[in-house]
Amino acid sequence: MKNIMILALALMLAACGAAPEGEQVEAQEAVETTAPAVETVSVAVDTDASMINWIGAKFTGDQHTGTIQIAEGNLMTAGSNLVGGNFIIDMSTIEVTDETPQEMKAKLVGHLSTGDFFEVEKFGKASFEITSVEAVEGNAEATHKITGNLTMKDISKSITIPAMVSINESGISAKTPQFVIDRTQWGVMYGSTAAGALKDKAIKNEIALQINLSTK
């Protein structure tokens, strides 16, 4: 019984220090974009129906959830295939959606907006530009892998993310399962152990994102 209790405690402590869940996405050097070799149709993203969800966590187990709004964008198709597109992320719309008291939410959003994190006054927009789309099989959470350049704080990195893509007479839908990026790859170093923060006060480098895109 004692061994079982020790094991249970160890698992709980490990869970408290765990990074946000999701497929770990590696950041690579940005890829040059090229125009599709086929005739395409460009459709505007419906910003009211599109959104990014995020999760950030500390090593102590505390975490916050929130949203960021899509400012504008378009998705390009060739026949029944998604072949390109881009969208702009309005960093001034960062919100905290967990059960943190309202006063603390305002302070957290304010801090996330400073130079410690996303420096919104200087870098008010982030963006994602699709460079390639590949159909996949055997994945219950994704029909495609979408590669594109994610730009934050004027730093562009290529990432490949899973997505469930649907194209029909109602429009285009592209929704990702939750995936994880390393914020330090985009120069967001505050609270990172890589920047010398003590682990009991450090914020994990990993940020979980989940993207919902729909066209008008």
N, C-alpha and C. Protein backbone atom coordinates (compact mmCIF):
# COMPACT_ATOMS: atom_id res chain seq x y z
N MET A 1 0.83 -1.21 0.00
CA MET A 1 0.00 0.00 0.00
C MET A 1 0.86 1.26 0.00
N LYS A 2 1.96 1.21 0.80
CA LYS A 2 2.84 2.38 0.87
C LYS A 2 3.45 2.66 -0.49
N ASN A 3 3.88 1.59 -1.20
CA ASN A 3 4.48 1.77 -2.52
C ASN A 3 3.49 2.36 -3.51
N ILE A 4 2.21 1.91 -3.40
CA ILE A 4 1.17 2.42 -4.28
C ILE A 4 0.95 3.91 -4.04
N MET A 5 0.95 4.32 -2.76
CA MET A 5 0.76 5.73 -2.43
C MET A 5 1.91 6.58 -2.95
N ILE A 6 3.13 6.05 -2.82
CA ILE A 6 4.30 6.79 -3.32
C ILE A 6 4.22 6.96 -4.83
N LEU A 7 3.81 5.86 -5.52
CA LEU A 7 3.68 5.91 -6.97
C LEU A 7 2.62 6.92 -7.38
N ALA A 8 1.48 6.92 -6.67
CA ALA A 8 0.40 7.85 -6.98
C ALA A 8 0.86 9.29 -6.79
N LEU A 9 1.62 9.54 -5.71
CA LEU A 9 2.11 10.89 -5.45
C LEU A 9 3.08 11.32 -6.55
N ALA A 10 3.94 10.40 -6.96
CA ALA A 10 4.90 10.71 -8.02
C ALA A 10 4.20 11.05 -9.32
N LEU A 11 3.13 10.31 -9.64
CA LEU A 11 2.37 10.58 -10.86
C LEU A 11 1.68 11.93 -10.78
N MET A 12 1.17 12.28 -9.61
CA MET A 12 0.51 13.58 -9.44
C MET A 12 1.51 14.71 -9.62
N LEU A 13 2.70 14.56 -9.05
CA LEU A 13 3.71 15.60 -9.18
C LEU A 13 4.16 15.73 -10.62
N ALA A 14 4.29 14.59 -11.30
CA ALA A 14 4.68 14.63 -12.71
C ALA A 14 3.63 15.33 -13.54
N ALA A 15 2.33 15.07 -13.24
CA ALA A 15 1.24 15.71 -13.97
C ALA A 15 1.24 17.21 -13.75
N CYS A 16 1.55 17.64 -12.51
CA CYS A 16 1.57 19.07 -12.21
C CYS A 16 2.62 19.80 -13.04
N GLY A 17 3.73 19.10 -13.34
CA GLY A 17 4.79 19.73 -14.10
C GLY A 17 4.69 19.50 -15.59
N ALA A 18 3.62 18.82 -16.01
CA ALA A 18 3.52 18.45 -17.42
C ALA A 18 3.23 19.68 -18.28
N ALA A 19 3.74 19.62 -19.51
CA ALA A 19 3.44 20.68 -20.47
C ALA A 19 2.01 20.53 -20.95
N PRO A 20 1.42 21.61 -21.51
CA PRO A 20 0.07 21.48 -22.09
C PRO A 20 0.04 20.35 -23.11
N GLU A 21 -1.09 19.65 -23.16
CA GLU A 21 -1.20 18.49 -24.05
C GLU A 21 -1.33 18.91 -25.51
N GLY A 22 -0.92 17.99 -26.39
CA GLY A 22 -1.02 18.23 -27.82
C GLY A 22 0.23 17.78 -28.54
N GLU A 23 0.11 17.63 -29.85
CA GLU A 23 1.26 17.24 -30.66
C GLU A 23 2.32 18.33 -30.63
N GLN A 24 3.55 17.92 -30.29
CA GLN A 24 4.65 18.88 -30.25
C GLN A 24 5.06 19.24 -31.68
N VAL A 25 5.01 20.52 -31.99
CA VAL A 25 5.31 21.00 -33.33
C VAL A 25 6.68 21.67 -33.33
N GLU A 26 7.57 21.19 -34.17
CA GLU A 26 8.92 21.74 -34.24
C GLU A 26 8.96 22.96 -35.16
N ALA A 27 9.66 23.99 -34.71
CA ALA A 27 9.83 25.20 -35.52
C ALA A 27 11.08 25.06 -36.38
N GLN A 28 10.92 25.32 -37.67
CA GLN A 28 12.04 25.26 -38.61
C GLN A 28 12.22 26.65 -39.24
N GLU A 29 13.27 26.79 -40.03
CA GLU A 29 13.47 28.05 -40.73
C GLU A 29 12.29 28.32 -41.67
N ALA A 30 11.91 29.59 -41.77
CA ALA A 30 10.77 29.95 -42.62
C ALA A 30 11.00 29.49 -44.06
N VAL A 31 9.89 29.11 -44.70
CA VAL A 31 9.93 28.60 -46.07
C VAL A 31 9.44 29.69 -47.02
N GLU A 32 10.12 29.85 -48.14
CA GLU A 32 9.68 30.83 -49.13
C GLU A 32 8.35 30.40 -49.75
N THR A 33 7.42 31.31 -49.82
CA THR A 33 6.11 30.98 -50.39
C THR A 33 6.12 31.16 -51.90
N THR A 34 5.41 30.28 -52.58
CA THR A 34 5.28 30.37 -54.04
C THR A 34 3.81 30.28 -54.41
N ALA A 35 3.45 30.90 -55.50
CA ALA A 35 2.06 30.86 -55.96
C ALA A 35 1.73 29.46 -56.44
N PRO A 36 0.51 28.96 -56.15
CA PRO A 36 0.11 27.65 -56.64
C PRO A 36 0.20 27.57 -58.16
N ALA A 37 0.58 26.38 -58.66
CA ALA A 37 0.76 26.20 -60.10
C ALA A 37 -0.56 25.96 -60.82
N VAL A 38 -1.65 25.89 -60.07
CA VAL A 38 -2.97 25.65 -60.66
C VAL A 38 -3.88 26.84 -60.40
N GLU A 39 -4.98 26.92 -61.12
CA GLU A 39 -5.94 28.00 -60.92
C GLU A 39 -6.63 27.81 -59.57
N THR A 40 -6.72 28.89 -58.82
CA THR A 40 -7.27 28.79 -57.47
C THR A 40 -8.44 29.76 -57.27
N VAL A 41 -9.20 29.47 -56.23
CA VAL A 41 -10.28 30.35 -55.77
C VAL A 41 -9.96 30.76 -54.34
N SER A 42 -10.00 32.05 -54.06
CA SER A 42 -9.70 32.57 -52.73
C SER A 42 -11.00 32.97 -52.04
N VAL A 43 -11.18 32.49 -50.82
CA VAL A 43 -12.40 32.76 -50.06
C VAL A 43 -12.03 33.41 -48.73
N ALA A 44 -12.72 34.48 -48.36
CA ALA A 44 -12.41 35.21 -47.14
C ALA A 44 -12.77 34.39 -45.90
N VAL A 45 -11.93 34.49 -44.90
CA VAL A 45 -12.20 33.86 -43.61
C VAL A 45 -13.29 34.64 -42.88
N ASP A 46 -14.21 33.91 -42.28
CA ASP A 46 -15.26 34.53 -41.46
C ASP A 46 -14.68 34.75 -40.07
N THR A 47 -14.32 35.99 -39.77
CA THR A 47 -13.64 36.28 -38.50
C THR A 47 -14.55 36.08 -37.29
N ASP A 48 -15.86 36.18 -37.49
CA ASP A 48 -16.78 35.95 -36.37
C ASP A 48 -16.85 34.47 -35.99
N ALA A 49 -16.57 33.60 -36.95
CA ALA A 49 -16.66 32.17 -36.71
C ALA A 49 -15.29 31.51 -36.54
N SER A 50 -14.23 32.33 -36.53
CA SER A 50 -12.86 31.81 -36.45
C SER A 50 -12.19 32.32 -35.18
N MET A 51 -11.31 31.49 -34.61
CA MET A 51 -10.70 31.85 -33.34
C MET A 51 -9.51 30.93 -33.05
N ILE A 52 -8.61 31.41 -32.20
CA ILE A 52 -7.50 30.60 -31.68
C ILE A 52 -7.67 30.45 -30.18
N ASN A 53 -7.60 29.23 -29.69
CA ASN A 53 -7.59 28.95 -28.26
C ASN A 53 -6.16 28.66 -27.82
N TRP A 54 -5.80 29.09 -26.61
CA TRP A 54 -4.43 28.87 -26.13
C TRP A 54 -4.42 28.40 -24.67
N ILE A 55 -3.34 27.73 -24.31
CA ILE A 55 -3.10 27.31 -22.93
C ILE A 55 -1.63 27.55 -22.61
N GLY A 56 -1.37 28.19 -21.47
CA GLY A 56 -0.02 28.36 -20.96
C GLY A 56 0.05 27.83 -19.54
N ALA A 57 1.21 27.31 -19.13
CA ALA A 57 1.30 26.67 -17.82
C ALA A 57 2.64 26.95 -17.15
N LYS A 58 2.64 26.87 -15.82
CA LYS A 58 3.86 26.96 -15.02
C LYS A 58 4.31 25.56 -14.62
N PHE A 59 5.56 25.45 -14.17
CA PHE A 59 6.07 24.17 -13.69
C PHE A 59 5.35 23.73 -12.42
N THR A 60 4.76 24.68 -11.69
CA THR A 60 4.04 24.34 -10.46
C THR A 60 2.70 23.68 -10.73
N GLY A 61 2.24 23.70 -11.99
CA GLY A 61 0.96 23.10 -12.33
C GLY A 61 -0.12 24.12 -12.62
N ASP A 62 0.10 25.39 -12.20
CA ASP A 62 -0.88 26.43 -12.53
C ASP A 62 -0.92 26.63 -14.04
N GLN A 63 -2.11 26.88 -14.59
CA GLN A 63 -2.20 27.16 -16.01
C GLN A 63 -3.34 28.13 -16.29
N HIS A 64 -3.26 28.76 -17.45
CA HIS A 64 -4.30 29.68 -17.89
C HIS A 64 -4.74 29.29 -19.29
N THR A 65 -6.01 29.53 -19.57
CA THR A 65 -6.55 29.30 -20.91
C THR A 65 -7.11 30.62 -21.43
N GLY A 66 -7.16 30.71 -22.76
CA GLY A 66 -7.69 31.95 -23.32
C GLY A 66 -7.92 31.85 -24.82
N THR A 67 -8.22 32.98 -25.42
CA THR A 67 -8.51 33.05 -26.85
C THR A 67 -7.80 34.25 -27.47
N ILE A 68 -7.63 34.19 -28.80
CA ILE A 68 -7.14 35.31 -29.60
C ILE A 68 -7.99 35.35 -30.87
N GLN A 69 -8.35 36.54 -31.31
CA GLN A 69 -9.22 36.69 -32.46
C GLN A 69 -8.43 36.74 -33.77
N ILE A 70 -9.06 36.25 -34.82
CA ILE A 70 -8.53 36.37 -36.18
C ILE A 70 -9.01 37.70 -36.76
N ALA A 71 -8.08 38.52 -37.25
CA ALA A 71 -8.45 39.83 -37.79
C ALA A 71 -8.95 39.74 -39.22
N GLU A 72 -8.29 38.93 -40.04
CA GLU A 72 -8.67 38.76 -41.44
C GLU A 72 -7.91 37.57 -42.01
N GLY A 73 -8.31 37.15 -43.20
CA GLY A 73 -7.59 36.06 -43.83
C GLY A 73 -8.34 35.52 -45.03
N ASN A 74 -7.72 34.58 -45.71
CA ASN A 74 -8.38 33.91 -46.82
C ASN A 74 -7.82 32.50 -46.94
N LEU A 75 -8.62 31.61 -47.51
CA LEU A 75 -8.20 30.25 -47.80
C LEU A 75 -8.35 30.02 -49.30
N MET A 76 -7.40 29.35 -49.90
CA MET A 76 -7.41 29.14 -51.35
C MET A 76 -7.64 27.66 -51.66
N THR A 77 -8.50 27.43 -52.63
CA THR A 77 -8.78 26.07 -53.06
C THR A 77 -8.52 25.91 -54.56
N ALA A 78 -8.22 24.69 -54.94
CA ALA A 78 -8.15 24.30 -56.35
C ALA A 78 -9.03 23.07 -56.47
N GLY A 79 -10.18 23.25 -57.10
CA GLY A 79 -11.16 22.17 -57.11
C GLY A 79 -11.65 21.92 -55.70
N SER A 80 -11.52 20.69 -55.23
CA SER A 80 -11.98 20.34 -53.88
C SER A 80 -10.82 20.24 -52.89
N ASN A 81 -9.69 20.86 -53.23
CA ASN A 81 -8.50 20.76 -52.38
C ASN A 81 -8.09 22.12 -51.83
N LEU A 82 -7.73 22.14 -50.56
CA LEU A 82 -7.12 23.33 -49.96
C LEU A 82 -5.67 23.39 -50.41
N VAL A 83 -5.25 24.53 -50.97
CA VAL A 83 -3.88 24.63 -51.50
C VAL A 83 -3.10 25.81 -50.93
N GLY A 84 -3.75 26.70 -50.21
CA GLY A 84 -3.03 27.84 -49.67
C GLY A 84 -3.92 28.74 -48.85
N GLY A 85 -3.36 29.88 -48.47
CA GLY A 85 -4.11 30.84 -47.69
C GLY A 85 -3.25 31.49 -46.62
N ASN A 86 -3.86 32.38 -45.89
CA ASN A 86 -3.17 33.05 -44.79
C ASN A 86 -4.20 33.68 -43.87
N PHE A 87 -3.77 33.99 -42.67
CA PHE A 87 -4.65 34.75 -41.77
C PHE A 87 -3.81 35.60 -40.83
N ILE A 88 -4.42 36.70 -40.40
CA ILE A 88 -3.78 37.66 -39.50
C ILE A 88 -4.38 37.50 -38.10
N ILE A 89 -3.51 37.45 -37.10
CA ILE A 89 -3.92 37.28 -35.70
C ILE A 89 -3.81 38.63 -35.00
N ASP A 90 -4.90 39.08 -34.41
CA ASP A 90 -4.92 40.37 -33.71
C ASP A 90 -4.47 40.16 -32.27
N MET A 91 -3.20 40.44 -31.99
CA MET A 91 -2.64 40.16 -30.66
C MET A 91 -3.25 41.06 -29.57
N SER A 92 -3.89 42.14 -29.97
CA SER A 92 -4.52 43.02 -28.98
C SER A 92 -5.81 42.43 -28.43
N THR A 93 -6.24 41.29 -28.98
CA THR A 93 -7.50 40.67 -28.53
C THR A 93 -7.26 39.49 -27.59
N ILE A 94 -6.05 39.34 -27.08
CA ILE A 94 -5.77 38.25 -26.14
C ILE A 94 -6.74 38.34 -24.96
N GLU A 95 -7.40 37.23 -24.67
CA GLU A 95 -8.30 37.15 -23.51
C GLU A 95 -7.96 35.93 -22.67
N VAL A 96 -8.26 36.02 -21.39
CA VAL A 96 -8.13 34.89 -20.47
C VAL A 96 -9.54 34.38 -20.18
N THR A 97 -9.75 33.08 -20.35
CA THR A 97 -11.11 32.53 -20.24
C THR A 97 -11.30 31.57 -19.07
N ASP A 98 -10.24 31.35 -18.28
CA ASP A 98 -10.38 30.42 -17.15
C ASP A 98 -11.07 31.13 -15.98
N GLU A 99 -11.05 30.50 -14.81
CA GLU A 99 -11.80 31.01 -13.66
C GLU A 99 -11.00 31.98 -12.80
N THR A 100 -9.94 32.53 -13.35
CA THR A 100 -9.17 33.56 -12.66
C THR A 100 -10.08 34.75 -12.36
N PRO A 101 -10.00 35.34 -11.14
CA PRO A 101 -10.82 36.53 -10.84
C PRO A 101 -10.59 37.63 -11.88
N GLN A 102 -11.63 38.40 -12.15
CA GLN A 102 -11.61 39.37 -13.23
C GLN A 102 -10.45 40.35 -13.11
N GLU A 103 -10.16 40.82 -11.89
CA GLU A 103 -9.06 41.78 -11.71
C GLU A 103 -7.73 41.16 -12.11
N MET A 104 -7.53 39.88 -11.75
CA MET A 104 -6.30 39.20 -12.09
C MET A 104 -6.21 38.91 -13.59
N LYS A 105 -7.38 38.66 -14.21
CA LYS A 105 -7.40 38.47 -15.67
C LYS A 105 -6.87 39.71 -16.38
N ALA A 106 -7.34 40.87 -15.93
CA ALA A 106 -6.92 42.13 -16.55
C ALA A 106 -5.42 42.33 -16.38
N LYS A 107 -4.89 41.98 -15.21
CA LYS A 107 -3.45 42.12 -14.98
C LYS A 107 -2.67 41.15 -15.86
N LEU A 108 -3.18 39.94 -15.99
CA LEU A 108 -2.49 38.93 -16.82
C LEU A 108 -2.48 39.35 -18.29
N VAL A 109 -3.62 39.81 -18.79
CA VAL A 109 -3.68 40.26 -20.18
C VAL A 109 -2.72 41.44 -20.39
N GLY A 110 -2.70 42.34 -19.40
CA GLY A 110 -1.79 43.48 -19.48
C GLY A 110 -0.34 43.04 -19.55
N HIS A 111 0.00 42.03 -18.72
CA HIS A 111 1.38 41.54 -18.71
C HIS A 111 1.72 40.82 -20.02
N LEU A 112 0.81 40.01 -20.52
CA LEU A 112 1.04 39.31 -21.78
C LEU A 112 1.25 40.29 -22.94
N SER A 113 0.69 41.48 -22.79
CA SER A 113 0.77 42.48 -23.86
C SER A 113 2.06 43.29 -23.82
N THR A 114 2.84 43.16 -22.74
CA THR A 114 4.07 43.94 -22.59
C THR A 114 5.23 43.28 -23.31
N GLY A 115 6.39 43.94 -23.27
CA GLY A 115 7.61 43.41 -23.87
C GLY A 115 8.09 42.12 -23.23
N ASP A 116 7.61 41.80 -22.02
CA ASP A 116 7.97 40.52 -21.41
C ASP A 116 7.48 39.35 -22.26
N PHE A 117 6.35 39.56 -22.92
CA PHE A 117 5.75 38.49 -23.72
C PHE A 117 5.63 38.93 -25.19
N PHE A 118 4.47 39.44 -25.58
CA PHE A 118 4.19 39.63 -27.01
C PHE A 118 4.35 41.06 -27.51
N GLU A 119 4.63 42.00 -26.60
CA GLU A 119 4.92 43.39 -26.97
C GLU A 119 3.92 43.90 -28.01
N VAL A 120 2.65 43.86 -27.61
CA VAL A 120 1.54 44.12 -28.54
C VAL A 120 1.58 45.52 -29.13
N GLU A 121 2.03 46.49 -28.35
CA GLU A 121 2.06 47.87 -28.88
C GLU A 121 2.97 47.97 -30.10
N LYS A 122 4.05 47.19 -30.12
CA LYS A 122 4.99 47.21 -31.25
C LYS A 122 4.65 46.15 -32.29
N PHE A 123 4.20 44.97 -31.82
CA PHE A 123 3.91 43.86 -32.72
C PHE A 123 2.43 43.47 -32.57
N GLY A 124 1.57 44.34 -33.06
CA GLY A 124 0.13 44.17 -32.85
C GLY A 124 -0.49 43.02 -33.63
N LYS A 125 0.20 42.57 -34.65
CA LYS A 125 -0.34 41.50 -35.49
C LYS A 125 0.66 40.36 -35.59
N ALA A 126 0.16 39.13 -35.54
CA ALA A 126 0.92 37.94 -35.90
C ALA A 126 0.26 37.38 -37.15
N SER A 127 0.89 36.41 -37.80
CA SER A 127 0.30 35.88 -39.02
C SER A 127 0.72 34.44 -39.25
N PHE A 128 -0.08 33.77 -40.08
CA PHE A 128 0.26 32.42 -40.54
C PHE A 128 -0.01 32.36 -42.03
N GLU A 129 1.01 31.97 -42.80
CA GLU A 129 0.87 31.86 -44.24
C GLU A 129 1.15 30.42 -44.66
N ILE A 130 0.17 29.80 -45.29
CA ILE A 130 0.30 28.40 -45.71
C ILE A 130 1.29 28.30 -46.87
N THR A 131 2.22 27.33 -46.75
CA THR A 131 3.18 27.09 -47.83
C THR A 131 2.93 25.75 -48.53
N SER A 132 2.28 24.82 -47.85
CA SER A 132 1.93 23.54 -48.49
C SER A 132 0.86 22.83 -47.67
N VAL A 133 0.10 21.98 -48.35
CA VAL A 133 -0.95 21.19 -47.71
C VAL A 133 -0.83 19.76 -48.21
N GLU A 134 -0.83 18.83 -47.27
CA GLU A 134 -0.68 17.41 -47.63
C GLU A 134 -1.80 16.60 -46.99
N ALA A 135 -2.50 15.81 -47.78
CA ALA A 135 -3.54 14.93 -47.24
C ALA A 135 -2.89 13.78 -46.47
N VAL A 136 -3.52 13.37 -45.38
CA VAL A 136 -3.02 12.25 -44.58
C VAL A 136 -4.15 11.24 -44.37
N GLU A 137 -3.76 10.02 -44.06
CA GLU A 137 -4.73 8.96 -43.78
C GLU A 137 -4.43 8.33 -42.43
N GLY A 138 -5.46 7.73 -41.84
CA GLY A 138 -5.28 7.01 -40.59
C GLY A 138 -5.16 7.86 -39.35
N ASN A 139 -5.56 9.10 -39.43
CA ASN A 139 -5.52 10.00 -38.28
C ASN A 139 -6.93 10.47 -37.99
N ALA A 140 -7.48 10.08 -36.85
CA ALA A 140 -8.87 10.40 -36.52
C ALA A 140 -9.06 11.89 -36.26
N GLU A 141 -7.97 12.61 -35.98
CA GLU A 141 -8.09 14.03 -35.64
C GLU A 141 -7.69 14.96 -36.79
N ALA A 142 -7.20 14.39 -37.89
CA ALA A 142 -6.72 15.25 -38.97
C ALA A 142 -6.84 14.57 -40.32
N THR A 143 -7.25 15.35 -41.31
CA THR A 143 -7.28 14.86 -42.69
C THR A 143 -6.09 15.38 -43.49
N HIS A 144 -5.42 16.41 -42.94
CA HIS A 144 -4.31 17.04 -43.66
C HIS A 144 -3.21 17.49 -42.69
N LYS A 145 -2.02 17.66 -43.24
CA LYS A 145 -0.94 18.36 -42.57
C LYS A 145 -0.72 19.67 -43.32
N ILE A 146 -0.80 20.76 -42.56
CA ILE A 146 -0.64 22.08 -43.16
C ILE A 146 0.68 22.68 -42.70
N THR A 147 1.53 23.02 -43.65
CA THR A 147 2.81 23.66 -43.35
C THR A 147 2.70 25.14 -43.69
N GLY A 148 3.23 25.97 -42.81
CA GLY A 148 3.17 27.40 -43.06
C GLY A 148 4.13 28.17 -42.18
N ASN A 149 4.30 29.43 -42.50
CA ASN A 149 5.18 30.31 -41.73
C ASN A 149 4.36 31.06 -40.68
N LEU A 150 4.67 30.79 -39.40
CA LEU A 150 4.04 31.51 -38.30
C LEU A 150 4.97 32.64 -37.91
N THR A 151 4.45 33.87 -37.99
CA THR A 151 5.24 35.06 -37.67
C THR A 151 4.69 35.73 -36.42
N MET A 152 5.54 35.86 -35.41
CA MET A 152 5.22 36.61 -34.19
C MET A 152 6.44 37.45 -33.83
N LYS A 153 6.20 38.69 -33.41
CA LYS A 153 7.28 39.60 -33.02
C LYS A 153 8.32 39.72 -34.14
N ASP A 154 7.85 39.70 -35.39
CA ASP A 154 8.70 39.82 -36.57
C ASP A 154 9.66 38.65 -36.75
N ILE A 155 9.39 37.54 -36.08
CA ILE A 155 10.19 36.32 -36.26
C ILE A 155 9.31 35.28 -36.95
N SER A 156 9.77 34.78 -38.09
CA SER A 156 9.01 33.80 -38.86
C SER A 156 9.65 32.43 -38.76
N LYS A 157 8.84 31.44 -38.46
CA LYS A 157 9.28 30.06 -38.39
C LYS A 157 8.27 29.18 -39.11
N SER A 158 8.77 28.16 -39.78
CA SER A 158 7.89 27.21 -40.46
C SER A 158 7.47 26.12 -39.49
N ILE A 159 6.18 25.85 -39.43
CA ILE A 159 5.67 24.75 -38.61
C ILE A 159 4.70 23.92 -39.45
N THR A 160 4.56 22.67 -39.10
CA THR A 160 3.59 21.78 -39.75
C THR A 160 2.59 21.32 -38.71
N ILE A 161 1.31 21.60 -38.96
CA ILE A 161 0.28 21.31 -37.97
C ILE A 161 -0.79 20.40 -38.57
N PRO A 162 -1.37 19.53 -37.75
CA PRO A 162 -2.46 18.69 -38.22
C PRO A 162 -3.75 19.50 -38.29
N ALA A 163 -4.64 19.14 -39.20
CA ALA A 163 -5.90 19.87 -39.33
C ALA A 163 -6.98 18.98 -39.94
N MET A 164 -8.19 19.19 -39.50
CA MET A 164 -9.35 18.56 -40.10
C MET A 164 -9.94 19.56 -41.09
N VAL A 165 -9.81 19.26 -42.38
CA VAL A 165 -10.24 20.18 -43.43
C VAL A 165 -11.50 19.66 -44.10
N SER A 166 -12.47 20.55 -44.25
CA SER A 166 -13.72 20.21 -44.92
C SER A 166 -14.05 21.28 -45.94
N ILE A 167 -14.35 20.86 -47.18
CA ILE A 167 -14.73 21.80 -48.24
C ILE A 167 -16.04 21.32 -48.85
N ASN A 168 -17.07 22.15 -48.74
CA ASN A 168 -18.36 21.79 -49.32
C ASN A 168 -19.10 23.07 -49.71
N GLU A 169 -20.36 22.93 -50.08
CA GLU A 169 -21.13 24.09 -50.55
C GLU A 169 -21.34 25.13 -49.46
N SER A 170 -21.16 24.74 -48.21
CA SER A 170 -21.31 25.69 -47.10
C SER A 170 -20.06 26.53 -46.88
N GLY A 171 -18.95 26.11 -47.47
CA GLY A 171 -17.71 26.85 -47.31
C GLY A 171 -16.55 25.94 -46.95
N ILE A 172 -15.49 26.54 -46.42
CA ILE A 172 -14.28 25.81 -46.05
C ILE A 172 -14.12 25.88 -44.53
N SER A 173 -13.79 24.75 -43.95
CA SER A 173 -13.51 24.68 -42.52
C SER A 173 -12.16 24.00 -42.33
N ALA A 174 -11.31 24.61 -41.51
CA ALA A 174 -10.02 24.01 -41.16
C ALA A 174 -9.85 24.14 -39.65
N LYS A 175 -9.87 23.02 -38.97
CA LYS A 175 -9.78 23.02 -37.50
C LYS A 175 -8.65 22.08 -37.08
N THR A 176 -7.79 22.58 -36.21
CA THR A 176 -6.69 21.76 -35.73
C THR A 176 -7.06 21.13 -34.40
N PRO A 177 -6.52 19.94 -34.11
CA PRO A 177 -6.53 19.48 -32.73
C PRO A 177 -5.55 20.35 -31.95
N GLN A 178 -5.51 20.22 -30.66
CA GLN A 178 -4.55 21.01 -29.87
C GLN A 178 -3.13 20.58 -30.21
N PHE A 179 -2.26 21.58 -30.46
CA PHE A 179 -0.85 21.30 -30.71
C PHE A 179 -0.01 22.26 -29.89
N VAL A 180 1.28 21.97 -29.80
CA VAL A 180 2.14 22.71 -28.88
C VAL A 180 3.35 23.29 -29.62
N ILE A 181 3.62 24.57 -29.37
CA ILE A 181 4.82 25.21 -29.91
C ILE A 181 5.70 25.69 -28.75
N ASP A 182 6.97 25.92 -29.04
CA ASP A 182 7.92 26.46 -28.07
C ASP A 182 8.00 27.97 -28.28
N ARG A 183 7.44 28.73 -27.35
CA ARG A 183 7.35 30.18 -27.50
C ARG A 183 8.72 30.85 -27.64
N THR A 184 9.76 30.24 -27.05
CA THR A 184 11.08 30.88 -27.10
C THR A 184 11.62 30.95 -28.53
N GLN A 185 11.10 30.12 -29.43
CA GLN A 185 11.53 30.17 -30.83
C GLN A 185 11.09 31.47 -31.50
N TRP A 186 10.13 32.16 -30.88
CA TRP A 186 9.66 33.45 -31.40
C TRP A 186 10.06 34.59 -30.46
N GLY A 187 11.08 34.35 -29.66
CA GLY A 187 11.63 35.41 -28.82
C GLY A 187 10.82 35.77 -27.60
N VAL A 188 9.90 34.89 -27.18
CA VAL A 188 9.10 35.14 -25.98
C VAL A 188 9.79 34.39 -24.83
N MET A 189 10.69 35.09 -24.13
CA MET A 189 11.60 34.44 -23.19
C MET A 189 11.21 34.60 -21.72
N TYR A 190 10.25 35.45 -21.41
CA TYR A 190 9.95 35.75 -20.00
C TYR A 190 9.59 34.48 -19.23
N GLY A 191 10.21 34.32 -18.07
CA GLY A 191 9.89 33.20 -17.19
C GLY A 191 10.39 31.86 -17.67
N SER A 192 11.19 31.85 -18.73
CA SER A 192 11.70 30.58 -19.26
C SER A 192 12.95 30.16 -18.51
N THR A 193 13.09 28.86 -18.27
CA THR A 193 14.33 28.37 -17.65
C THR A 193 15.51 28.67 -18.57
N ALA A 194 15.27 28.76 -19.86
CA ALA A 194 16.33 29.09 -20.81
C ALA A 194 16.85 30.51 -20.57
N ALA A 195 16.02 31.34 -19.94
CA ALA A 195 16.42 32.71 -19.64
C ALA A 195 16.86 32.86 -18.19
N GLY A 196 16.99 31.71 -17.48
CA GLY A 196 17.50 31.73 -16.12
C GLY A 196 16.47 31.74 -15.02
N ALA A 197 15.20 31.59 -15.34
CA ALA A 197 14.16 31.59 -14.30
C ALA A 197 14.25 30.33 -13.45
N LEU A 198 14.06 30.48 -12.14
CA LEU A 198 14.03 29.33 -11.24
C LEU A 198 12.81 28.49 -11.54
N LYS A 199 12.96 27.16 -11.43
CA LYS A 199 11.91 26.27 -11.90
C LYS A 199 10.59 26.46 -11.14
N ASP A 200 10.66 26.78 -9.82
CA ASP A 200 9.42 26.94 -9.06
C ASP A 200 8.66 28.21 -9.44
N LYS A 201 9.32 29.11 -10.20
CA LYS A 201 8.66 30.33 -10.66
C LYS A 201 8.57 30.40 -12.18
N ALA A 202 9.14 29.40 -12.83
CA ALA A 202 9.25 29.44 -14.29
C ALA A 202 7.93 29.12 -14.97
N ILE A 203 7.79 29.65 -16.18
CA ILE A 203 6.65 29.38 -17.05
C ILE A 203 7.14 28.45 -18.15
N LYS A 204 6.39 27.45 -18.45
CA LYS A 204 6.82 26.49 -19.46
C LYS A 204 6.98 27.16 -20.82
N ASN A 205 7.97 26.68 -21.56
CA ASN A 205 8.19 27.21 -22.89
C ASN A 205 7.05 26.85 -23.83
N GLU A 206 6.39 25.74 -23.55
CA GLU A 206 5.35 25.22 -24.44
C GLU A 206 4.04 25.98 -24.29
N ILE A 207 3.48 26.39 -25.40
CA ILE A 207 2.13 26.97 -25.45
C ILE A 207 1.28 26.06 -26.33
N ALA A 208 0.12 25.68 -25.82
CA ALA A 208 -0.81 24.88 -26.62
C ALA A 208 -1.74 25.80 -27.39
N LEU A 209 -1.94 25.48 -28.66
CA LEU A 209 -2.83 26.26 -29.53
C LEU A 209 -3.83 25.33 -30.18
N GLN A 210 -5.01 25.86 -30.45
CA GLN A 210 -6.02 25.14 -31.21
C GLN A 210 -6.70 26.17 -32.10
N ILE A 211 -6.65 25.95 -33.43
CA ILE A 211 -7.10 26.94 -34.40
C ILE A 211 -8.40 26.49 -35.06
N ASN A 212 -9.36 27.41 -35.12
CA ASN A 212 -10.61 27.18 -35.83
C ASN A 212 -10.77 28.21 -36.94
N LEU A 213 -10.81 27.76 -38.18
CA LEU A 213 -11.01 28.67 -39.31
C LEU A 213 -12.22 28.25 -40.10
N SER A 214 -13.05 29.22 -40.44
CA SER A 214 -14.20 28.98 -41.32
C SER A 214 -14.31 30.14 -42.29
N THR A 215 -14.77 29.86 -43.49
CA THR A 215 -14.95 30.93 -44.48
C THR A 215 -16.39 31.42 -44.46
N LYS A 216 -16.59 32.56 -45.07
CA LYS A 216 -17.93 33.17 -45.13
C LYS A 216 -18.80 32.45 -46.14
